[in-house]
Amino acid sequence: MKPVEIYTSPMCGFCHAAKRLLKDKGVNFSEINVWSNPSRKPEMIQRANGGRTVPQIFVGDVHVGGCDDLYALERAGKLDALLAA
């Protein structure tokens, strides 16, 4: 399984929803809290091609996007293939 990274903040409902989906699927992920570690936010913005909101989700080198994008991949049946590729 490819490594999954998710940039989050603690009061973000979309972050919690994205993490819940990943946990329900048994996916281990690295969480980067940009609220408690603001020095990582410029890194997130660069990796996310200018995306400034959280969550920003990465599977391997692929920028998935945010929570809605993650759930769209799941609904389309494409998330498992992306994680396994």
PDB file of N, CA and C in Angstrom:
ATOM      1  N   MET A   1       0.838  -1.182   0.000  1.00  0.00           N
ATOM      2  CA  MET A   1       0.000   0.000   0.000  1.00  0.00           C
ATOM      3  C   MET A   1       0.884   1.246   0.000  1.00  0.00           C
ATOM      4  N   LYS A   2       0.498   2.225  -0.794  1.00  0.00           N
ATOM      5  CA  LYS A   2       1.255   3.472  -0.868  1.00  0.00           C
ATOM      6  C   LYS A   2       1.121   4.253   0.440  1.00  0.00           C
ATOM      7  N   PRO A   3       2.135   5.043   0.780  1.00  0.00           N
ATOM      8  CA  PRO A   3       2.023   5.878   1.979  1.00  0.00           C
ATOM      9  C   PRO A   3       0.991   6.983   1.758  1.00  0.00           C
ATOM     10  N   VAL A   4       0.240   7.265   2.800  1.00  0.00           N
ATOM     11  CA  VAL A   4      -0.791   8.295   2.743  1.00  0.00           C
ATOM     12  C   VAL A   4      -0.429   9.377   3.751  1.00  0.00           C
ATOM     13  N   GLU A   5      -0.476  10.621   3.296  1.00  0.00           N
ATOM     14  CA  GLU A   5      -0.235  11.768   4.161  1.00  0.00           C
ATOM     15  C   GLU A   5      -1.450  12.685   4.084  1.00  0.00           C
ATOM     16  N   ILE A   6      -1.828  13.231   5.235  1.00  0.00           N
ATOM     17  CA  ILE A   6      -2.961  14.136   5.277  1.00  0.00           C
ATOM     18  C   ILE A   6      -2.596  15.335   6.153  1.00  0.00           C
ATOM     19  N   TYR A   7      -2.710  16.517   5.565  1.00  0.00           N
ATOM     20  CA  TYR A   7      -2.491  17.770   6.291  1.00  0.00           C
ATOM     21  C   TYR A   7      -3.827  18.157   6.910  1.00  0.00           C
ATOM     22  N   THR A   8      -3.815  18.455   8.206  1.00  0.00           N
ATOM     23  CA  THR A   8      -5.054  18.683   8.938  1.00  0.00           C
ATOM     24  C   THR A   8      -4.926  19.859   9.908  1.00  0.00           C
ATOM     25  N   SER A   9      -6.056  20.181  10.519  1.00  0.00           N
ATOM     26  CA  SER A   9      -6.090  21.027  11.700  1.00  0.00           C
ATOM     27  C   SER A   9      -7.133  20.416  12.637  1.00  0.00           C
ATOM     28  N   PRO A  10      -7.007  20.634  13.941  1.00  0.00           N
ATOM     29  CA  PRO A  10      -7.842  19.908  14.904  1.00  0.00           C
ATOM     30  C   PRO A  10      -9.331  20.250  14.874  1.00  0.00           C
ATOM     31  N   MET A  11      -9.707  21.437  14.443  1.00  0.00           N
ATOM     32  CA  MET A  11     -11.120  21.824  14.481  1.00  0.00           C
ATOM     33  C   MET A  11     -11.808  21.698  13.134  1.00  0.00           C
ATOM     34  N   CYS A  12     -11.228  20.936  12.248  1.00  0.00           N
ATOM     35  CA  CYS A  12     -11.739  20.798  10.885  1.00  0.00           C
ATOM     36  C   CYS A  12     -12.595  19.540  10.760  1.00  0.00           C
ATOM     37  N   GLY A  13     -13.892  19.727  10.559  1.00  0.00           N
ATOM     38  CA  GLY A  13     -14.791  18.587  10.402  1.00  0.00           C
ATOM     39  C   GLY A  13     -14.484  17.750   9.177  1.00  0.00           C
ATOM     40  N   PHE A  14     -14.059  18.401   8.094  1.00  0.00           N
ATOM     41  CA  PHE A  14     -13.703  17.662   6.879  1.00  0.00           C
ATOM     42  C   PHE A  14     -12.467  16.798   7.111  1.00  0.00           C
ATOM     43  N   CYS A  15     -11.534  17.304   7.930  1.00  0.00           N
ATOM     44  CA  CYS A  15     -10.341  16.516   8.271  1.00  0.00           C
ATOM     45  C   CYS A  15     -10.744  15.260   9.029  1.00  0.00           C
ATOM     46  N   HIS A  16     -11.641  15.426   9.995  1.00  0.00           N
ATOM     47  CA  HIS A  16     -12.098  14.274  10.779  1.00  0.00           C
ATOM     48  C   HIS A  16     -12.814  13.259   9.890  1.00  0.00           C
ATOM     49  N   ALA A  17     -13.625  13.745   8.947  1.00  0.00           N
ATOM     50  CA  ALA A  17     -14.347  12.841   8.045  1.00  0.00           C
ATOM     51  C   ALA A  17     -13.380  12.079   7.145  1.00  0.00           C
ATOM     52  N   ALA A  18     -12.370  12.757   6.630  1.00  0.00           N
ATOM     53  CA  ALA A  18     -11.387  12.098   5.756  1.00  0.00           C
ATOM     54  C   ALA A  18     -10.612  11.045   6.540  1.00  0.00           C
ATOM     55  N   LYS A  19     -10.191  11.391   7.752  1.00  0.00           N
ATOM     56  CA  LYS A  19      -9.451  10.431   8.579  1.00  0.00           C
ATOM     57  C   LYS A  19     -10.333   9.240   8.943  1.00  0.00           C
ATOM     58  N   ARG A  20     -11.615   9.492   9.191  1.00  0.00           N
ATOM     59  CA  ARG A  20     -12.535   8.401   9.529  1.00  0.00           C
ATOM     60  C   ARG A  20     -12.653   7.422   8.362  1.00  0.00           C
ATOM     61  N   LEU A  21     -12.778   7.937   7.135  1.00  0.00           N
ATOM     62  CA  LEU A  21     -12.860   7.051   5.967  1.00  0.00           C
ATOM     63  C   LEU A  21     -11.596   6.211   5.844  1.00  0.00           C
ATOM     64  N   LEU A  22     -10.448   6.844   5.976  1.00  0.00           N
ATOM     65  CA  LEU A  22      -9.192   6.100   5.865  1.00  0.00           C
ATOM     66  C   LEU A  22      -9.081   5.041   6.964  1.00  0.00           C
ATOM     67  N   LYS A  23      -9.447   5.409   8.186  1.00  0.00           N
ATOM     68  CA  LYS A  23      -9.394   4.441   9.292  1.00  0.00           C
ATOM     69  C   LYS A  23     -10.358   3.285   9.056  1.00  0.00           C
ATOM     70  N   ASP A  24     -11.574   3.597   8.583  1.00  0.00           N
ATOM     71  CA  ASP A  24     -12.565   2.546   8.307  1.00  0.00           C
ATOM     72  C   ASP A  24     -12.070   1.569   7.243  1.00  0.00           C
ATOM     73  N   LYS A  25     -11.233   2.055   6.332  1.00  0.00           N
ATOM     74  CA  LYS A  25     -10.675   1.198   5.287  1.00  0.00           C
ATOM     75  C   LYS A  25      -9.394   0.504   5.749  1.00  0.00           C
ATOM     76  N   GLY A  26      -8.956   0.765   6.976  1.00  0.00           N
ATOM     77  CA  GLY A  26      -7.747   0.144   7.502  1.00  0.00           C
ATOM     78  C   GLY A  26      -6.469   0.737   6.944  1.00  0.00           C
ATOM     79  N   VAL A  27      -6.538   1.985   6.493  1.00  0.00           N
ATOM     80  CA  VAL A  27      -5.384   2.651   5.887  1.00  0.00           C
ATOM     81  C   VAL A  27      -4.592   3.378   6.968  1.00  0.00           C
ATOM     82  N   ASN A  28      -3.309   3.074   7.060  1.00  0.00           N
ATOM     83  CA  ASN A  28      -2.421   3.831   7.936  1.00  0.00           C
ATOM     84  C   ASN A  28      -2.038   5.109   7.217  1.00  0.00           C
ATOM     85  N   PHE A  29      -1.977   6.210   7.946  1.00  0.00           N
ATOM     86  CA  PHE A  29      -1.619   7.477   7.325  1.00  0.00           C
ATOM     87  C   PHE A  29      -0.804   8.311   8.296  1.00  0.00           C
ATOM     88  N   SER A  30      -0.029   9.213   7.717  1.00  0.00           N
ATOM     89  CA  SER A  30       0.724  10.190   8.496  1.00  0.00           C
ATOM     90  C   SER A  30      -0.086  11.469   8.503  1.00  0.00           C
ATOM     91  N   GLU A  31      -0.278  12.019   9.696  1.00  0.00           N
ATOM     92  CA  GLU A  31      -1.039  13.259   9.835  1.00  0.00           C
ATOM     93  C   GLU A  31      -0.088  14.407  10.145  1.00  0.00           C
ATOM     94  N   ILE A  32      -0.221  15.478   9.389  1.00  0.00           N
ATOM     95  CA  ILE A  32       0.588  16.672   9.607  1.00  0.00           C
ATOM     96  C   ILE A  32      -0.373  17.779  10.020  1.00  0.00           C
ATOM     97  N   ASN A  33      -0.318  18.141  11.286  1.00  0.00           N
ATOM     98  CA  ASN A  33      -1.212  19.143  11.841  1.00  0.00           C
ATOM     99  C   ASN A  33      -0.610  20.524  11.599  1.00  0.00           C
ATOM    100  N   VAL A  34      -1.192  21.271  10.666  1.00  0.00           N
ATOM    101  CA  VAL A  34      -0.649  22.586  10.329  1.00  0.00           C
ATOM    102  C   VAL A  34      -1.057  23.655  11.337  1.00  0.00           C
ATOM    103  N   TRP A  35      -1.970  23.324  12.232  1.00  0.00           N
ATOM    104  CA  TRP A  35      -2.358  24.249  13.298  1.00  0.00           C
ATOM    105  C   TRP A  35      -1.264  24.284  14.363  1.00  0.00           C
ATOM    106  N   SER A  36      -0.825  23.123  14.781  1.00  0.00           N
ATOM    107  CA  SER A  36       0.213  23.064  15.825  1.00  0.00           C
ATOM    108  C   SER A  36       1.616  23.155  15.240  1.00  0.00           C
ATOM    109  N   ASN A  37       1.741  22.972  13.938  1.00  0.00           N
ATOM    110  CA  ASN A  37       3.038  23.039  13.279  1.00  0.00           C
ATOM    111  C   ASN A  37       2.914  23.923  12.030  1.00  0.00           C
ATOM    112  N   PRO A  38       2.718  25.244  12.224  1.00  0.00           N
ATOM    113  CA  PRO A  38       2.454  26.130  11.085  1.00  0.00           C
ATOM    114  C   PRO A  38       3.600  26.232  10.087  1.00  0.00           C
ATOM    115  N   SER A  39       4.791  25.836  10.474  1.00  0.00           N
ATOM    116  CA  SER A  39       5.913  25.878   9.533  1.00  0.00           C
ATOM    117  C   SER A  39       5.727  24.878   8.399  1.00  0.00           C
ATOM    118  N   ARG A  40       4.820  23.918   8.551  1.00  0.00           N
ATOM    119  CA  ARG A  40       4.567  22.918   7.499  1.00  0.00           C
ATOM    120  C   ARG A  40       3.516  23.384   6.485  1.00  0.00           C
ATOM    121  N   LYS A  41       2.807  24.495   6.783  1.00  0.00           N
ATOM    122  CA  LYS A  41       1.754  24.949   5.876  1.00  0.00           C
ATOM    123  C   LYS A  41       2.300  25.371   4.508  1.00  0.00           C
ATOM    124  N   PRO A  42       3.421  26.116   4.413  1.00  0.00           N
ATOM    125  CA  PRO A  42       3.946  26.434   3.072  1.00  0.00           C
ATOM    126  C   PRO A  42       4.281  25.185   2.255  1.00  0.00           C
ATOM    127  N   GLU A  43       4.769  24.158   2.932  1.00  0.00           N
ATOM    128  CA  GLU A  43       5.048  22.877   2.264  1.00  0.00           C
ATOM    129  C   GLU A  43       3.758  22.286   1.701  1.00  0.00           C
ATOM    130  N   MET A  44       2.692  22.322   2.503  1.00  0.00           N
ATOM    131  CA  MET A  44       1.404  21.806   2.069  1.00  0.00           C
ATOM    132  C   MET A  44       0.908  22.566   0.850  1.00  0.00           C
ATOM    133  N   ILE A  45       0.986  23.895   0.905  1.00  0.00           N
ATOM    134  CA  ILE A  45       0.501  24.730  -0.195  1.00  0.00           C
ATOM    135  C   ILE A  45       1.268  24.426  -1.479  1.00  0.00           C
ATOM    136  N   GLN A  46       2.569  24.260  -1.369  1.00  0.00           N
ATOM    137  CA  GLN A  46       3.382  23.950  -2.544  1.00  0.00           C
ATOM    138  C   GLN A  46       3.023  22.580  -3.101  1.00  0.00           C
ATOM    139  N   ARG A  47       2.951  21.579  -2.231  1.00  0.00           N
ATOM    140  CA  ARG A  47       2.630  20.230  -2.697  1.00  0.00           C
ATOM    141  C   ARG A  47       1.232  20.151  -3.290  1.00  0.00           C
ATOM    142  N   ALA A  48       0.305  20.966  -2.754  1.00  0.00           N
ATOM    143  CA  ALA A  48      -1.092  20.928  -3.191  1.00  0.00           C
ATOM    144  C   ALA A  48      -1.363  21.913  -4.329  1.00  0.00           C
ATOM    145  N   ASN A  49      -0.296  22.369  -4.984  1.00  0.00           N
ATOM    146  CA  ASN A  49      -0.454  23.285  -6.125  1.00  0.00           C
ATOM    147  C   ASN A  49      -1.292  24.506  -5.766  1.00  0.00           C
ATOM    148  N   GLY A  50      -1.008  25.077  -4.593  1.00  0.00           N
ATOM    149  CA  GLY A  50      -1.691  26.295  -4.168  1.00  0.00           C
ATOM    150  C   GLY A  50      -2.863  26.068  -3.236  1.00  0.00           C
ATOM    151  N   GLY A  51      -3.213  24.820  -2.969  1.00  0.00           N
ATOM    152  CA  GLY A  51      -4.315  24.530  -2.054  1.00  0.00           C
ATOM    153  C   GLY A  51      -3.980  24.988  -0.642  1.00  0.00           C
ATOM    154  N   ARG A  52      -4.836  25.826  -0.071  1.00  0.00           N
ATOM    155  CA  ARG A  52      -4.566  26.411   1.243  1.00  0.00           C
ATOM    156  C   ARG A  52      -5.465  25.860   2.346  1.00  0.00           C
ATOM    157  N   THR A  53      -6.501  25.130   1.965  1.00  0.00           N
ATOM    158  CA  THR A  53      -7.435  24.621   2.962  1.00  0.00           C
ATOM    159  C   THR A  53      -7.051  23.203   3.372  1.00  0.00           C
ATOM    160  N   VAL A  54      -7.496  22.813   4.546  1.00  0.00           N
ATOM    161  CA  VAL A  54      -7.288  21.445   5.000  1.00  0.00           C
ATOM    162  C   VAL A  54      -8.623  20.714   4.948  1.00  0.00           C
ATOM    163  N   PRO A  55      -8.585  19.420   4.735  1.00  0.00           N
ATOM    164  CA  PRO A  55      -7.399  18.602   4.568  1.00  0.00           C
ATOM    165  C   PRO A  55      -6.848  18.673   3.147  1.00  0.00           C
ATOM    166  N   GLN A  56      -5.583  18.384   3.037  1.00  0.00           N
ATOM    167  CA  GLN A  56      -4.938  18.124   1.752  1.00  0.00           C
ATOM    168  C   GLN A  56      -4.381  16.712   1.871  1.00  0.00           C
ATOM    169  N   ILE A  57      -4.779  15.853   0.968  1.00  0.00           N
ATOM    170  CA  ILE A  57      -4.504  14.421   1.079  1.00  0.00           C
ATOM    171  C   ILE A  57      -3.622  13.974  -0.081  1.00  0.00           C
ATOM    172  N   PHE A  58      -2.617  13.184   0.261  1.00  0.00           N
ATOM    173  CA  PHE A  58      -1.679  12.651  -0.720  1.00  0.00           C
ATOM    174  C   PHE A  58      -1.586  11.144  -0.559  1.00  0.00           C
ATOM    175  N   VAL A  59      -1.639  10.444  -1.679  1.00  0.00           N
ATOM    176  CA  VAL A  59      -1.416   8.998  -1.706  1.00  0.00           C
ATOM    177  C   VAL A  59      -0.177   8.787  -2.561  1.00  0.00           C
ATOM    178  N   GLY A  60       0.910   8.409  -1.907  1.00  0.00           N
ATOM    179  CA  GLY A  60       2.189   8.370  -2.609  1.00  0.00           C
ATOM    180  C   GLY A  60       2.509   9.776  -3.090  1.00  0.00           C
ATOM    181  N   ASP A  61       2.793   9.909  -4.369  1.00  0.00           N
ATOM    182  CA  ASP A  61       3.076  11.223  -4.951  1.00  0.00           C
ATOM    183  C   ASP A  61       1.840  11.880  -5.554  1.00  0.00           C
ATOM    184  N   VAL A  62       0.691  11.235  -5.441  1.00  0.00           N
ATOM    185  CA  VAL A  62      -0.542  11.746  -6.046  1.00  0.00           C
ATOM    186  C   VAL A  62      -1.283  12.640  -5.062  1.00  0.00           C
ATOM    187  N   HIS A  63      -1.567  13.866  -5.499  1.00  0.00           N
ATOM    188  CA  HIS A  63      -2.380  14.777  -4.697  1.00  0.00           C
ATOM    189  C   HIS A  63      -3.843  14.453  -4.959  1.00  0.00           C
ATOM    190  N   VAL A  64      -4.501  13.895  -3.952  1.00  0.00           N
ATOM    191  CA  VAL A  64      -5.907  13.527  -4.078  1.00  0.00           C
ATOM    192  C   VAL A  64      -6.775  14.775  -4.021  1.00  0.00           C
ATOM    193  N   GLY A  65      -6.421  15.696  -3.145  1.00  0.00           N
ATOM    194  CA  GLY A  65      -7.228  16.896  -2.932  1.00  0.00           C
ATOM    195  C   GLY A  65      -7.734  16.908  -1.508  1.00  0.00           C
ATOM    196  N   GLY A  66      -8.983  17.306  -1.338  1.00  0.00           N
ATOM    197  CA  GLY A  66      -9.578  17.401  -0.017  1.00  0.00           C
ATOM    198  C   GLY A  66     -10.503  16.244   0.294  1.00  0.00           C
ATOM    199  N   CYS A  67     -11.302  16.440   1.316  1.00  0.00           N
ATOM    200  CA  CYS A  67     -12.220  15.401   1.790  1.00  0.00           C
ATOM    201  C   CYS A  67     -13.224  15.001   0.712  1.00  0.00           C
ATOM    202  N   ASP A  68     -13.829  15.988   0.059  1.00  0.00           N
ATOM    203  CA  ASP A  68     -14.818  15.678  -0.984  1.00  0.00           C
ATOM    204  C   ASP A  68     -14.194  14.855  -2.102  1.00  0.00           C
ATOM    205  N   ASP A  69     -12.954  15.179  -2.447  1.00  0.00           N
ATOM    206  CA  ASP A  69     -12.258  14.437  -3.503  1.00  0.00           C
ATOM    207  C   ASP A  69     -11.996  12.991  -3.075  1.00  0.00           C
ATOM    208  N   LEU A  70     -11.623  12.812  -1.813  1.00  0.00           N
ATOM    209  CA  LEU A  70     -11.369  11.468  -1.280  1.00  0.00           C
ATOM    210  C   LEU A  70     -12.645  10.631  -1.329  1.00  0.00           C
ATOM    211  N   TYR A  71     -13.757  11.212  -0.883  1.00  0.00           N
ATOM    212  CA  TYR A  71     -15.027  10.490  -0.892  1.00  0.00           C
ATOM    213  C   TYR A  71     -15.506  10.222  -2.322  1.00  0.00           C
ATOM    214  N   ALA A  72     -15.218  11.137  -3.239  1.00  0.00           N
ATOM    215  CA  ALA A  72     -15.597  10.920  -4.644  1.00  0.00           C
ATOM    216  C   ALA A  72     -14.847   9.731  -5.225  1.00  0.00           C
ATOM    217  N   LEU A  73     -13.559   9.616  -4.896  1.00  0.00           N
ATOM    218  CA  LEU A  73     -12.790   8.446  -5.343  1.00  0.00           C
ATOM    219  C   LEU A  73     -13.384   7.157  -4.775  1.00  0.00           C
ATOM    220  N   GLU A  74     -13.771   7.202  -3.503  1.00  0.00           N
ATOM    221  CA  GLU A  74     -14.366   6.015  -2.870  1.00  0.00           C
ATOM    222  C   GLU A  74     -15.682   5.648  -3.550  1.00  0.00           C
ATOM    223  N   ARG A  75     -16.544   6.637  -3.783  1.00  0.00           N
ATOM    224  CA  ARG A  75     -17.842   6.367  -4.439  1.00  0.00           C
ATOM    225  C   ARG A  75     -17.664   5.824  -5.848  1.00  0.00           C
ATOM    226  N   ALA A  76     -16.622   6.286  -6.539  1.00  0.00           N
ATOM    227  CA  ALA A  76     -16.363   5.832  -7.900  1.00  0.00           C
ATOM    228  C   ALA A  76     -15.651   4.483  -7.946  1.00  0.00           C
ATOM    229  N   GLY A  77     -15.296   3.952  -6.774  1.00  0.00           N
ATOM    230  CA  GLY A  77     -14.612   2.666  -6.723  1.00  0.00           C
ATOM    231  C   GLY A  77     -13.151   2.740  -7.118  1.00  0.00           C
ATOM    232  N   LYS A  78     -12.559   3.933  -7.047  1.00  0.00           N
ATOM    233  CA  LYS A  78     -11.176   4.121  -7.490  1.00  0.00           C
ATOM    234  C   LYS A  78     -10.168   4.279  -6.354  1.00  0.00           C
ATOM    235  N   LEU A  79     -10.656   4.447  -5.129  1.00  0.00           N
ATOM    236  CA  LEU A  79      -9.725   4.701  -4.026  1.00  0.00           C
ATOM    237  C   LEU A  79      -8.865   3.482  -3.712  1.00  0.00           C
ATOM    238  N   ASP A  80      -9.457   2.304  -3.670  1.00  0.00           N
ATOM    239  CA  ASP A  80      -8.688   1.100  -3.347  1.00  0.00           C
ATOM    240  C   ASP A  80      -7.563   0.868  -4.348  1.00  0.00           C
ATOM    241  N   ALA A  81      -7.848   1.086  -5.629  1.00  0.00           N
ATOM    242  CA  ALA A  81      -6.824   0.898  -6.664  1.00  0.00           C
ATOM    243  C   ALA A  81      -5.708   1.915  -6.495  1.00  0.00           C
ATOM    244  N   LEU A  82      -6.050   3.150  -6.168  1.00  0.00           N
ATOM    245  CA  LEU A  82      -5.036   4.179  -5.968  1.00  0.00           C
ATOM    246  C   LEU A  82      -4.145   3.834  -4.771  1.00  0.00           C
ATOM    247  N   LEU A  83      -4.758   3.359  -3.707  1.00  0.00           N
ATOM    248  CA  LEU A  83      -3.993   2.998  -2.508  1.00  0.00           C
ATOM    249  C   LEU A  83      -3.072   1.813  -2.768  1.00  0.00           C
ATOM    250  N   ALA A  84      -3.528   0.884  -3.584  1.00  0.00           N
ATOM    251  CA  ALA A  84      -2.763  -0.350  -3.817  1.00  0.00           C
ATOM    252  C   ALA A  84      -1.721  -0.218  -4.916  1.00  0.00           C
ATOM    253  N   ALA A  85      -1.897   0.732  -5.810  1.00  0.00           N
ATOM    254  CA  ALA A  85      -1.016   0.836  -6.999  1.00  0.00           C
ATOM    255  C   ALA A  85       0.443   0.983  -6.642  1.00  0.00           C
TER     256      ALA A  85
END
